N, C-alpha and C. Protein backbone atom coordinates (compact mmCIF):
# COMPACT_ATOMS: atom_id res chain seq x y z
N ALA A 1 -13.45 50.26 -81.88
CA ALA A 1 -12.88 50.88 -81.22
C ALA A 1 -11.50 51.08 -81.95
N GLU A 2 -10.60 50.68 -82.35
CA GLU A 2 -9.15 50.88 -82.85
C GLU A 2 -9.53 51.60 -84.13
N ALA A 3 -10.71 51.54 -85.14
CA ALA A 3 -10.96 52.55 -85.99
C ALA A 3 -11.35 54.53 -85.19
N LYS A 4 -11.39 53.44 -84.20
CA LYS A 4 -12.31 55.05 -83.31
C LYS A 4 -11.18 56.07 -83.18
N GLY A 5 -10.01 54.85 -82.75
CA GLY A 5 -9.12 56.09 -81.60
C GLY A 5 -7.72 56.55 -83.19
N ILE A 6 -7.77 55.43 -84.45
CA ILE A 6 -7.19 56.29 -85.46
C ILE A 6 -8.32 57.43 -86.71
N ALA A 7 -9.13 57.38 -85.50
CA ALA A 7 -10.36 58.87 -85.86
C ALA A 7 -9.92 59.78 -85.42
N ALA A 8 -9.74 59.89 -83.97
CA ALA A 8 -8.77 60.50 -83.49
C ALA A 8 -8.13 61.23 -83.49
N GLU A 9 -6.87 60.21 -84.10
CA GLU A 9 -5.87 60.74 -84.31
C GLU A 9 -5.55 61.85 -85.80
N LEU A 10 -6.31 61.53 -86.77
CA LEU A 10 -6.68 61.78 -87.58
C LEU A 10 -7.41 63.40 -87.06
N THR A 11 -7.72 63.22 -86.57
CA THR A 11 -8.76 64.67 -85.72
C THR A 11 -7.77 65.36 -85.57
N GLU A 12 -7.42 65.40 -84.66
CA GLU A 12 -5.84 65.86 -84.00
C GLU A 12 -5.09 66.16 -85.55
N GLN A 13 -4.52 65.57 -86.10
CA GLN A 13 -3.41 65.89 -87.50
C GLN A 13 -4.03 67.23 -88.15
N ARG A 14 -5.15 66.76 -89.08
CA ARG A 14 -6.23 68.05 -88.90
C ARG A 14 -6.59 69.87 -88.41
N ARG A 15 -6.63 69.21 -87.29
CA ARG A 15 -6.37 70.59 -86.66
C ARG A 15 -5.58 71.30 -86.36
N LYS A 16 -4.29 70.87 -86.14
CA LYS A 16 -3.08 71.32 -86.64
C LYS A 16 -2.51 71.87 -87.78
N ALA A 17 -3.03 70.98 -88.85
CA ALA A 17 -2.82 71.30 -90.54
C ALA A 17 -3.95 72.36 -90.67
N ALA A 18 -4.81 72.86 -90.35
CA ALA A 18 -6.35 74.08 -90.58
C ALA A 18 -5.19 74.91 -89.76
N LYS A 19 -4.74 75.43 -88.89
CA LYS A 19 -4.29 76.22 -88.12
C LYS A 19 -2.88 76.85 -89.67
N GLN A 20 -2.39 76.18 -89.93
CA GLN A 20 -1.24 76.68 -91.01
C GLN A 20 -1.59 76.87 -91.89
N LEU A 21 -2.70 75.77 -92.74
CA LEU A 21 -3.27 76.23 -93.38
C LEU A 21 -3.98 77.66 -93.68
N GLU A 22 -5.20 78.30 -92.46
CA GLU A 22 -5.60 79.38 -92.32
C GLU A 22 -4.56 80.58 -92.51
N GLY A 23 -3.39 80.44 -91.75
CA GLY A 23 -2.19 81.39 -91.48
C GLY A 23 -1.36 81.97 -93.14
N GLU A 24 -1.63 80.46 -94.08
CA GLU A 24 -0.63 80.54 -95.83
C GLU A 24 -1.65 81.10 -96.37
N ILE A 25 -3.40 80.65 -96.11
CA ILE A 25 -4.07 81.36 -96.90
C ILE A 25 -4.11 82.76 -96.99
N VAL A 26 -4.85 83.71 -95.33
CA VAL A 26 -4.50 84.76 -95.35
C VAL A 26 -3.56 85.66 -95.91
N ARG A 27 -1.95 84.85 -95.90
CA ARG A 27 -0.63 85.71 -96.39
C ARG A 27 -0.84 85.78 -97.56
N GLU A 28 -1.41 84.85 -98.07
CA GLU A 28 -1.53 84.56 -100.24
C GLU A 28 -2.03 85.55 -100.58
N LEU A 29 -3.56 85.93 -99.54
CA LEU A 29 -4.36 86.72 -100.20
C LEU A 29 -4.23 88.53 -100.25
N SER A 30 -3.59 88.67 -98.88
CA SER A 30 -2.81 90.06 -98.19
C SER A 30 -2.26 90.54 -99.55
N GLU A 31 -1.72 89.72 -100.30
CA GLU A 31 -0.73 90.07 -101.76
C GLU A 31 -1.31 89.61 -102.58
N LEU A 32 -3.45 89.98 -102.50
CA LEU A 32 -3.86 89.34 -103.85
C LEU A 32 -4.91 91.01 -103.27
N ASP A 33 -4.68 92.02 -102.30
CA ASP A 33 -5.45 92.97 -102.45
C ASP A 33 -6.84 92.42 -101.24
N MET A 34 -6.75 91.51 -100.31
CA MET A 34 -7.81 90.74 -99.50
C MET A 34 -7.01 91.50 -98.16
N ASP A 35 -6.20 92.95 -97.64
CA ASP A 35 -5.49 92.55 -96.54
C ASP A 35 -6.44 92.17 -95.18
N LYS A 36 -7.57 93.06 -95.35
CA LYS A 36 -8.61 92.86 -94.55
C LYS A 36 -9.29 91.11 -93.86
N VAL A 37 -9.34 90.18 -94.98
CA VAL A 37 -9.59 88.74 -94.87
C VAL A 37 -9.58 87.98 -94.23
N LYS A 38 -10.39 87.84 -92.51
CA LYS A 38 -10.13 86.53 -92.19
C LYS A 38 -10.38 84.97 -92.79
N MET A 39 -9.38 83.99 -91.91
CA MET A 39 -10.22 82.65 -92.82
C MET A 39 -10.39 81.79 -91.79
N ARG A 40 -10.77 80.96 -91.19
CA ARG A 40 -11.26 79.51 -90.59
C ARG A 40 -11.02 78.40 -91.37
N VAL A 41 -10.22 77.23 -91.28
CA VAL A 41 -10.71 76.13 -91.53
C VAL A 41 -11.12 75.43 -90.44
N ALA A 42 -12.71 75.30 -90.12
CA ALA A 42 -13.36 74.73 -89.03
C ALA A 42 -13.31 73.22 -89.03
N VAL A 43 -12.86 72.07 -88.22
CA VAL A 43 -13.39 70.95 -88.15
C VAL A 43 -13.83 70.42 -87.23
N ARG A 44 -14.80 69.94 -87.33
CA ARG A 44 -16.05 69.91 -86.67
C ARG A 44 -15.97 68.40 -86.54
N THR A 45 -16.27 67.73 -85.26
CA THR A 45 -16.15 66.27 -84.98
C THR A 45 -17.33 65.72 -84.32
N GLY A 46 -18.02 65.00 -84.91
CA GLY A 46 -19.30 64.18 -85.15
C GLY A 46 -19.08 62.76 -84.30
N THR A 47 -19.79 62.41 -84.34
CA THR A 47 -20.05 60.62 -83.92
C THR A 47 -19.49 59.67 -84.94
N LYS A 48 -20.08 59.89 -86.17
CA LYS A 48 -20.38 59.17 -87.10
C LYS A 48 -19.11 58.95 -87.61
N LEU A 49 -18.56 57.22 -87.78
CA LEU A 49 -17.78 57.57 -88.54
C LEU A 49 -17.87 56.93 -89.51
N SER A 50 -16.89 57.42 -90.90
CA SER A 50 -16.58 57.10 -91.98
C SER A 50 -15.10 56.76 -92.15
N ALA A 51 -14.81 56.26 -93.97
CA ALA A 51 -13.87 56.04 -94.32
C ALA A 51 -12.90 56.79 -93.79
N HIS A 52 -13.33 58.60 -93.71
CA HIS A 52 -12.89 59.81 -93.31
C HIS A 52 -12.71 60.36 -92.24
N GLY A 53 -12.71 59.25 -91.29
CA GLY A 53 -13.32 59.45 -89.88
C GLY A 53 -13.78 60.55 -89.26
N CYS A 54 -14.26 60.80 -88.39
CA CYS A 54 -15.70 61.77 -87.76
C CYS A 54 -16.15 62.60 -88.09
N ASP A 55 -14.95 63.10 -88.90
CA ASP A 55 -14.71 65.72 -89.03
C ASP A 55 -15.70 65.70 -90.25
N THR A 56 -15.92 66.31 -90.44
CA THR A 56 -16.73 67.39 -91.33
C THR A 56 -15.27 68.64 -91.02
N VAL A 57 -15.46 68.98 -92.50
CA VAL A 57 -14.15 70.30 -92.93
C VAL A 57 -15.38 70.80 -93.40
N THR A 58 -15.17 73.09 -92.49
CA THR A 58 -15.45 73.73 -93.98
C THR A 58 -15.26 75.08 -94.07
N PHE A 59 -14.39 75.26 -94.49
CA PHE A 59 -13.73 76.33 -95.28
C PHE A 59 -15.03 77.31 -95.03
N GLU A 60 -14.24 78.67 -93.88
CA GLU A 60 -15.01 79.81 -93.45
C GLU A 60 -14.43 81.34 -93.85
N ILE A 61 -15.14 81.71 -94.27
CA ILE A 61 -14.54 83.07 -94.29
C ILE A 61 -15.07 84.57 -93.83
N SER A 62 -13.98 85.62 -93.43
CA SER A 62 -14.90 87.66 -93.47
C SER A 62 -13.78 87.81 -94.44
N VAL A 63 -14.43 88.60 -95.45
CA VAL A 63 -14.09 89.08 -95.89
C VAL A 63 -14.14 90.98 -95.55
N ASN A 64 -15.02 91.30 -94.49
CA ASN A 64 -15.09 92.43 -94.21
C ASN A 64 -14.77 92.41 -92.64
N PRO A 65 -13.94 93.37 -92.57
CA PRO A 65 -14.08 93.82 -90.79
C PRO A 65 -15.59 93.67 -90.15
N GLY A 66 -15.45 93.30 -88.71
CA GLY A 66 -16.06 93.21 -88.05
C GLY A 66 -17.38 92.56 -87.81
N GLU A 67 -17.63 91.26 -89.65
CA GLU A 67 -18.30 90.20 -89.93
C GLU A 67 -17.67 89.00 -89.74
N PRO A 68 -19.04 88.13 -89.19
CA PRO A 68 -17.68 86.70 -88.31
C PRO A 68 -18.40 86.05 -89.62
N GLU A 69 -17.33 84.97 -88.93
CA GLU A 69 -16.74 84.01 -90.51
C GLU A 69 -17.71 82.88 -90.76
N LYS A 70 -18.50 83.49 -91.93
CA LYS A 70 -19.41 82.04 -92.79
C LYS A 70 -18.68 81.17 -94.12
N PRO A 71 -19.52 79.99 -93.61
CA PRO A 71 -18.63 79.41 -95.03
C PRO A 71 -18.38 80.20 -96.52
N LEU A 72 -17.46 79.71 -97.03
CA LEU A 72 -17.27 80.56 -98.37
C LEU A 72 -17.77 80.47 -99.14
N SER A 73 -19.15 79.03 -99.63
CA SER A 73 -20.03 79.70 -100.84
C SER A 73 -21.45 80.06 -100.32
N LYS A 74 -21.30 80.80 -98.78
CA LYS A 74 -22.17 82.18 -99.09
C LYS A 74 -21.84 83.03 -98.94
N VAL A 75 -20.64 83.59 -98.74
CA VAL A 75 -20.24 84.87 -98.41
C VAL A 75 -19.23 85.58 -99.74
N ALA A 76 -18.56 84.78 -100.17
CA ALA A 76 -17.48 85.03 -101.22
C ALA A 76 -18.23 85.61 -102.73
N SER A 77 -17.93 86.73 -103.16
CA SER A 77 -18.00 87.05 -104.71
C SER A 77 -17.49 86.62 -105.19
N GLY A 78 -17.77 87.16 -106.85
CA GLY A 78 -17.20 86.12 -107.75
C GLY A 78 -15.58 86.82 -107.57
N GLY A 79 -15.27 87.95 -107.38
CA GLY A 79 -13.90 88.53 -107.54
C GLY A 79 -13.18 87.91 -106.72
N GLU A 80 -13.84 87.89 -105.49
CA GLU A 80 -13.00 87.36 -104.33
C GLU A 80 -12.88 86.10 -103.88
N LEU A 81 -13.79 85.49 -104.36
CA LEU A 81 -14.44 83.47 -104.71
C LEU A 81 -13.06 83.59 -105.86
N SER A 82 -12.25 84.26 -107.01
CA SER A 82 -11.31 83.95 -107.70
C SER A 82 -9.58 83.96 -107.55
N ARG A 83 -9.47 85.22 -106.61
CA ARG A 83 -8.49 85.28 -105.22
C ARG A 83 -8.17 84.08 -104.95
N ILE A 84 -9.48 83.74 -104.06
CA ILE A 84 -9.97 82.60 -102.92
C ILE A 84 -8.86 81.89 -103.60
N MET A 85 -9.76 80.97 -104.60
CA MET A 85 -9.16 79.85 -105.63
C MET A 85 -7.44 79.72 -106.09
N LEU A 86 -6.96 81.50 -106.20
CA LEU A 86 -5.98 81.48 -106.16
C LEU A 86 -5.06 81.45 -105.50
N ALA A 87 -5.15 81.69 -104.37
CA ALA A 87 -4.45 81.37 -103.00
C ALA A 87 -4.13 80.18 -102.81
N LEU A 88 -5.74 78.98 -102.41
CA LEU A 88 -5.89 78.48 -102.26
C LEU A 88 -5.31 77.32 -103.60
N LYS A 89 -4.84 77.20 -104.11
CA LYS A 89 -3.87 76.22 -105.47
C LYS A 89 -2.92 76.31 -105.16
N ASN A 90 -2.29 77.73 -105.02
CA ASN A 90 -1.02 77.58 -104.80
C ASN A 90 -0.11 77.35 -103.92
N VAL A 91 -1.45 77.77 -102.38
CA VAL A 91 -0.40 77.08 -101.52
C VAL A 91 -1.19 75.41 -101.33
N LEU A 92 -2.28 75.11 -101.55
CA LEU A 92 -2.03 73.32 -101.95
C LEU A 92 -1.03 72.69 -103.05
N THR A 93 -0.72 73.12 -103.68
CA THR A 93 0.31 72.65 -104.48
C THR A 93 2.06 73.07 -104.74
N ALA A 94 2.34 74.49 -103.09
CA ALA A 94 3.86 74.56 -103.35
C ALA A 94 4.56 73.49 -102.82
N GLY A 95 4.23 72.95 -102.30
CA GLY A 95 4.68 71.03 -101.53
C GLY A 95 4.64 70.24 -102.48
N GLU A 96 3.90 70.28 -103.74
CA GLU A 96 3.47 68.85 -104.02
C GLU A 96 4.67 69.04 -105.64
N ASP A 97 4.83 67.64 -106.51
CA ASP A 97 5.62 68.03 -107.65
C ASP A 97 4.60 68.05 -108.27
N VAL A 98 3.96 69.39 -108.65
CA VAL A 98 2.74 69.83 -109.85
C VAL A 98 3.95 70.23 -111.09
N GLY A 99 4.14 70.35 -112.22
CA GLY A 99 4.55 70.77 -112.43
C GLY A 99 4.13 71.36 -113.66
N MET A 100 3.30 71.56 -113.50
CA MET A 100 2.52 72.47 -113.95
C MET A 100 0.40 73.12 -113.68
N LEU A 101 0.41 74.30 -113.50
CA LEU A 101 -0.66 74.92 -113.01
C LEU A 101 -1.79 75.44 -114.35
N ILE A 102 -2.77 75.35 -114.22
CA ILE A 102 -3.84 75.97 -115.39
C ILE A 102 -4.73 76.62 -114.73
N PHE A 103 -5.04 77.87 -115.09
CA PHE A 103 -5.99 79.53 -113.97
C PHE A 103 -6.84 79.50 -115.96
N ASP A 104 -8.01 79.05 -115.31
CA ASP A 104 -8.67 79.58 -116.29
C ASP A 104 -10.10 80.55 -115.96
N GLU A 105 -9.88 81.70 -116.47
CA GLU A 105 -10.58 83.02 -116.08
C GLU A 105 -10.11 82.68 -114.26
N ILE A 106 -9.29 83.42 -113.99
CA ILE A 106 -9.16 83.44 -112.98
C ILE A 106 -9.28 85.08 -112.29
N ASP A 107 -9.52 85.42 -113.18
CA ASP A 107 -9.92 87.08 -113.41
C ASP A 107 -11.18 87.61 -113.01
N THR A 108 -11.89 86.96 -112.71
CA THR A 108 -13.49 86.62 -113.40
C THR A 108 -13.64 87.74 -112.44
N GLY A 109 -14.76 88.75 -112.50
CA GLY A 109 -15.09 90.11 -111.22
C GLY A 109 -13.86 90.48 -110.65
N VAL A 110 -12.75 90.84 -110.67
CA VAL A 110 -11.78 91.86 -111.06
C VAL A 110 -11.42 92.58 -111.49
N SER A 111 -10.56 93.54 -111.84
CA SER A 111 -10.88 94.80 -112.31
C SER A 111 -9.59 95.38 -112.01
N GLY A 112 -8.61 96.32 -112.30
CA GLY A 112 -7.99 97.65 -111.64
C GLY A 112 -7.11 97.01 -111.02
N HIS A 113 -7.13 97.60 -109.58
CA HIS A 113 -5.42 96.77 -108.49
C HIS A 113 -5.51 95.48 -108.54
N ALA A 114 -6.98 95.38 -108.55
CA ALA A 114 -6.89 93.67 -107.88
C ALA A 114 -6.01 92.99 -109.35
N ALA A 115 -6.74 93.30 -109.89
CA ALA A 115 -6.20 92.35 -111.27
C ALA A 115 -4.68 92.48 -111.68
N GLN A 116 -4.38 93.66 -111.32
CA GLN A 116 -2.53 93.62 -111.22
C GLN A 116 -1.68 93.46 -110.76
N GLN A 117 -2.01 92.87 -109.06
CA GLN A 117 -2.60 91.95 -108.14
C GLN A 117 -1.97 90.17 -108.61
N ILE A 118 -3.31 90.12 -109.14
CA ILE A 118 -3.20 88.90 -109.49
C ILE A 118 -2.29 88.46 -110.79
N GLY A 119 -1.68 89.28 -111.55
CA GLY A 119 -1.05 89.31 -112.47
C GLY A 119 0.30 88.98 -111.63
N ARG A 120 0.30 90.16 -110.51
CA ARG A 120 2.02 89.64 -110.29
C ARG A 120 2.05 88.26 -109.74
N LYS A 121 1.20 88.31 -109.24
CA LYS A 121 1.04 86.55 -108.25
C LYS A 121 1.11 85.53 -109.52
N LEU A 122 0.60 85.43 -110.42
CA LEU A 122 0.76 84.62 -111.25
C LEU A 122 2.12 84.63 -111.84
N SER A 123 2.66 85.53 -111.78
CA SER A 123 4.10 85.80 -112.41
C SER A 123 5.13 85.05 -111.46
N ALA A 124 5.01 85.46 -110.02
CA ALA A 124 5.49 84.72 -109.34
C ALA A 124 5.54 82.99 -108.81
N ILE A 125 4.42 82.49 -109.66
CA ILE A 125 3.85 81.15 -109.35
C ILE A 125 4.61 80.46 -110.69
N ALA A 126 5.15 81.46 -111.57
CA ALA A 126 5.31 81.01 -112.92
C ALA A 126 6.91 80.74 -112.98
N LYS A 127 7.19 81.66 -111.81
CA LYS A 127 8.45 81.34 -111.98
C LYS A 127 9.21 79.70 -110.69
N LYS A 128 8.31 79.52 -110.11
CA LYS A 128 8.22 78.27 -109.93
C LYS A 128 8.04 76.71 -110.54
N LYS A 129 6.48 76.79 -111.62
CA LYS A 129 5.90 76.02 -112.25
C LYS A 129 5.10 76.51 -113.32
N GLN A 130 5.14 75.89 -114.62
CA GLN A 130 4.74 75.94 -115.29
C GLN A 130 3.53 76.58 -115.54
N THR A 131 2.95 77.33 -115.77
CA THR A 131 1.61 77.82 -115.71
C THR A 131 0.87 78.93 -116.87
N LEU A 132 -0.20 78.37 -117.21
CA LEU A 132 -1.23 78.69 -117.80
C LEU A 132 -2.61 79.26 -117.62
N CYS A 133 -2.84 80.35 -118.31
CA CYS A 133 -3.37 81.22 -117.68
C CYS A 133 -4.59 82.14 -119.21
N VAL A 134 -5.97 81.97 -118.89
CA VAL A 134 -6.92 81.46 -120.17
C VAL A 134 -7.42 83.17 -119.37
N THR A 135 -6.85 84.47 -120.08
CA THR A 135 -7.55 85.59 -119.30
C THR A 135 -8.18 86.69 -120.26
N HIS A 136 -9.61 87.58 -119.77
CA HIS A 136 -9.14 88.32 -120.77
C HIS A 136 -9.06 90.06 -120.41
N LEU A 137 -8.17 89.74 -119.05
CA LEU A 137 -8.21 91.50 -118.70
C LEU A 137 -5.91 91.58 -118.55
N PRO A 138 -6.26 92.69 -119.80
CA PRO A 138 -4.50 93.18 -119.82
C PRO A 138 -3.60 93.43 -118.84
N GLN A 139 -4.75 93.49 -118.12
CA GLN A 139 -3.42 93.49 -116.51
C GLN A 139 -2.87 92.12 -116.33
N ILE A 140 -3.59 91.40 -116.59
CA ILE A 140 -2.69 90.33 -116.29
C ILE A 140 -1.98 89.74 -117.26
N ALA A 141 -2.66 89.75 -118.44
CA ALA A 141 -1.94 89.28 -119.86
C ALA A 141 -0.74 90.01 -119.90
N ALA A 142 -0.07 91.18 -119.23
CA ALA A 142 0.79 91.85 -120.02
C ALA A 142 1.80 91.36 -118.95
N MET A 143 1.67 90.04 -118.15
CA MET A 143 2.47 89.89 -117.17
C MET A 143 3.18 88.35 -117.66
N ALA A 144 2.70 88.05 -118.84
CA ALA A 144 3.10 86.85 -118.64
C ALA A 144 3.98 86.92 -119.93
N ASP A 145 4.58 85.75 -119.89
CA ASP A 145 6.37 85.71 -121.20
C ASP A 145 5.79 85.42 -121.95
N ASP A 146 4.97 84.67 -122.38
CA ASP A 146 4.33 84.25 -123.71
C ASP A 146 2.94 84.19 -123.88
N HIS A 147 2.71 84.71 -125.29
CA HIS A 147 1.33 84.78 -125.36
C HIS A 147 0.66 84.10 -126.57
N TYR A 148 0.03 83.43 -126.20
CA TYR A 148 -1.08 82.93 -127.63
C TYR A 148 -2.40 83.13 -127.79
N VAL A 149 -2.97 83.41 -128.59
CA VAL A 149 -4.24 83.63 -128.77
C VAL A 149 -5.21 82.82 -129.55
N ILE A 150 -6.05 82.43 -128.64
CA ILE A 150 -7.45 81.15 -129.07
C ILE A 150 -8.07 81.41 -129.97
N GLU A 151 -8.45 81.00 -131.33
CA GLU A 151 -9.68 81.48 -131.49
C GLU A 151 -10.42 80.24 -131.73
N LYS A 152 -12.09 80.37 -132.49
CA LYS A 152 -12.39 79.29 -132.82
C LYS A 152 -13.50 79.87 -134.10
N SER A 153 -13.83 78.68 -134.52
CA SER A 153 -14.71 78.94 -135.91
C SER A 153 -15.26 77.99 -136.24
N ALA A 154 -15.61 77.93 -137.26
CA ALA A 154 -17.36 77.29 -137.20
C ALA A 154 -16.53 76.19 -139.03
N MET A 155 -16.47 74.95 -139.28
CA MET A 155 -16.07 74.90 -140.54
C MET A 155 -16.53 73.25 -140.88
N GLU A 156 -17.48 73.13 -141.82
CA GLU A 156 -18.30 72.25 -142.38
C GLU A 156 -19.06 72.09 -141.40
N GLN A 157 -19.99 72.59 -140.56
CA GLN A 157 -20.53 72.44 -139.25
C GLN A 157 -20.13 71.54 -137.84
N ARG A 158 -18.93 72.23 -137.88
CA ARG A 158 -18.13 71.65 -136.73
C ARG A 158 -17.21 72.46 -136.07
N THR A 159 -17.04 72.76 -134.40
CA THR A 159 -16.04 74.28 -134.73
C THR A 159 -14.70 73.59 -134.05
N ILE A 160 -14.33 74.78 -134.63
CA ILE A 160 -12.52 74.20 -134.83
C ILE A 160 -11.83 74.89 -133.63
N THR A 161 -11.22 74.72 -132.88
CA THR A 161 -10.66 75.54 -131.67
C THR A 161 -9.09 75.67 -132.55
N GLU A 162 -8.16 77.28 -132.37
CA GLU A 162 -6.69 77.40 -132.84
C GLU A 162 -6.26 77.90 -131.93
N ILE A 163 -5.15 77.99 -132.16
CA ILE A 163 -4.20 78.12 -130.88
C ILE A 163 -3.02 79.01 -131.66
N TYR A 164 -2.56 80.42 -131.35
CA TYR A 164 -1.35 80.34 -132.41
C TYR A 164 -0.25 81.58 -130.95
N HIS A 165 0.30 80.82 -131.51
CA HIS A 165 1.56 81.72 -130.23
C HIS A 165 1.86 83.35 -131.62
N LEU A 166 2.21 83.92 -130.23
CA LEU A 166 2.58 85.29 -130.99
C LEU A 166 3.57 86.03 -130.51
N SER A 167 3.59 87.00 -131.08
CA SER A 167 5.55 87.94 -131.72
C SER A 167 5.35 88.54 -130.27
N ASP A 168 6.27 89.66 -130.02
CA ASP A 168 6.15 90.31 -129.55
C ASP A 168 5.16 91.53 -129.53
N ASP A 169 5.62 92.70 -130.77
CA ASP A 169 4.23 92.80 -131.45
C ASP A 169 3.12 92.40 -131.76
N ALA A 170 2.49 91.49 -131.68
CA ALA A 170 1.42 90.81 -131.87
C ALA A 170 0.74 90.96 -130.71
N SER A 171 1.52 90.84 -129.46
CA SER A 171 0.95 90.20 -128.15
C SER A 171 0.78 92.02 -127.75
N VAL A 172 1.65 92.90 -128.26
CA VAL A 172 1.13 94.65 -128.42
C VAL A 172 -0.10 94.13 -128.37
N GLY A 173 -0.71 94.31 -129.62
CA GLY A 173 -1.85 93.97 -130.29
C GLY A 173 -2.66 93.74 -129.64
N GLU A 174 -2.68 92.25 -129.25
CA GLU A 174 -4.00 91.59 -128.83
C GLU A 174 -4.15 92.53 -127.43
N ILE A 175 -3.00 93.24 -126.79
CA ILE A 175 -3.05 93.52 -124.99
C ILE A 175 -4.25 95.01 -125.42
N ALA A 176 -3.60 95.88 -126.65
CA ALA A 176 -4.03 96.95 -127.24
C ALA A 176 -5.75 96.33 -127.10
N ARG A 177 -6.07 95.50 -127.47
CA ARG A 177 -7.63 94.81 -128.33
C ARG A 177 -8.15 94.62 -126.94
N LEU A 178 -7.66 93.92 -125.71
CA LEU A 178 -8.27 93.81 -125.05
C LEU A 178 -9.16 95.26 -124.01
N LEU A 179 -7.97 96.80 -124.16
CA LEU A 179 -7.81 97.53 -123.58
C LEU A 179 -8.93 98.68 -124.43
N GLY A 180 -8.70 98.48 -125.70
CA GLY A 180 -9.87 99.43 -126.71
C GLY A 180 -10.99 98.49 -127.59
N GLY A 181 -10.90 97.67 -127.23
CA GLY A 181 -11.94 97.18 -127.52
C GLY A 181 -12.14 97.02 -129.65
N VAL A 182 -13.23 97.61 -129.71
CA VAL A 182 -13.43 97.01 -131.78
C VAL A 182 -11.85 98.11 -132.11
N GLU A 183 -12.55 99.73 -131.77
CA GLU A 183 -11.35 100.76 -132.76
C GLU A 183 -10.18 100.68 -131.77
N ILE A 184 -9.16 100.15 -132.86
CA ILE A 184 -7.60 100.01 -131.74
C ILE A 184 -7.00 101.16 -132.04
N THR A 185 -6.68 102.73 -131.70
CA THR A 185 -5.86 103.59 -131.84
C THR A 185 -4.78 103.60 -131.89
N GLU A 186 -4.16 105.06 -132.21
CA GLU A 186 -2.26 105.14 -132.00
C GLU A 186 -1.79 104.69 -129.85
N ALA A 187 -3.29 105.72 -130.18
CA ALA A 187 -2.67 105.49 -128.23
C ALA A 187 -3.07 104.44 -127.41
N VAL A 188 -4.35 104.02 -127.81
CA VAL A 188 -4.32 102.29 -127.05
C VAL A 188 -3.12 101.70 -127.45
N MET A 189 -2.44 101.77 -128.90
CA MET A 189 -1.74 100.83 -129.27
C MET A 189 -0.46 101.54 -127.61
N GLN A 190 -0.23 102.37 -127.83
CA GLN A 190 0.61 103.23 -127.03
C GLN A 190 0.48 102.85 -125.75
N ASN A 191 -0.53 102.83 -124.93
CA ASN A 191 -0.83 102.38 -123.79
C ASN A 191 -0.94 100.96 -123.34
N ALA A 192 -0.93 100.24 -124.68
CA ALA A 192 -0.40 98.75 -124.60
C ALA A 192 0.89 98.59 -124.19
N ARG A 193 1.53 98.82 -125.13
CA ARG A 193 2.87 98.55 -124.87
C ARG A 193 4.00 99.43 -123.38
N GLU A 194 3.50 100.45 -123.16
CA GLU A 194 3.39 100.92 -121.97
C GLU A 194 3.02 100.02 -120.65
N MET A 195 2.03 99.54 -120.96
CA MET A 195 1.61 98.39 -119.77
C MET A 195 2.74 97.05 -120.08
N LYS A 196 2.56 96.76 -121.35
CA LYS A 196 3.84 95.59 -121.06
C LYS A 196 4.94 95.73 -120.83
N ASN A 197 5.69 97.40 -120.97
CA ASN A 197 6.83 97.09 -120.74
C ASN A 197 7.25 96.98 -119.21
N LEU A 198 6.02 98.09 -118.62
CA LEU A 198 5.14 98.31 -116.95
C LEU A 198 5.75 97.22 -116.43
N ALA A 199 4.79 95.89 -117.29
CA ALA A 199 5.03 94.56 -116.33
C ALA A 199 5.91 94.10 -116.12
N GLN A 200 6.85 94.01 -117.73
CA GLN A 200 8.11 93.27 -117.40
C GLN A 200 8.90 93.92 -116.32
N SER A 201 9.25 94.69 -116.46
CA SER A 201 9.88 95.56 -115.42
C SER A 201 9.85 94.90 -114.25
N LYS A 202 8.25 95.25 -113.72
CA LYS A 202 8.47 94.82 -112.04
C LYS A 202 8.69 93.01 -112.10
N LYS A 203 8.23 92.04 -112.48
CA LYS A 203 9.26 90.88 -112.50
C LYS A 203 9.96 90.50 -111.72
């Protein structure tokens, strides 16, 4: 009886926290080119008691107007999932003593304006916490304060990974490589310089 009473208190606290969390996640997503999204943290209470109480918690989302909220795993595309994970991580670590955040290809499935918005969001996060980001998109790379290139090579039947810090000129070259592929023309280099300068001015 005592355990069930504690579980009921936990349910009440979860429902309060769910409402707050929904609002914060939706606000983050609106800044990531997902301003029509609806989010619900559904707390469903059953009869089975466990060490975590009696609740099942599901993150449900609607990314298009007129569609009902459905479990995140069933409706989100790769690009949407990338932005949702970025929003979740930013919200959930905001009040915690987390010194560093690592985002490994948070840009999966996005491009253009959405990529630019992710870059700006990462830059804003980096003002509060040390942020490392592995990316293949020039819009995101251009927003970084420092650039490192990661290279893999085979040596004596082993794979070696090396990381190099890049100078400003070298980082422009890497952004150009992301933009232009194999052949880097002067026009591509100019585009990379302009992209980096514009990104730095927006911080």
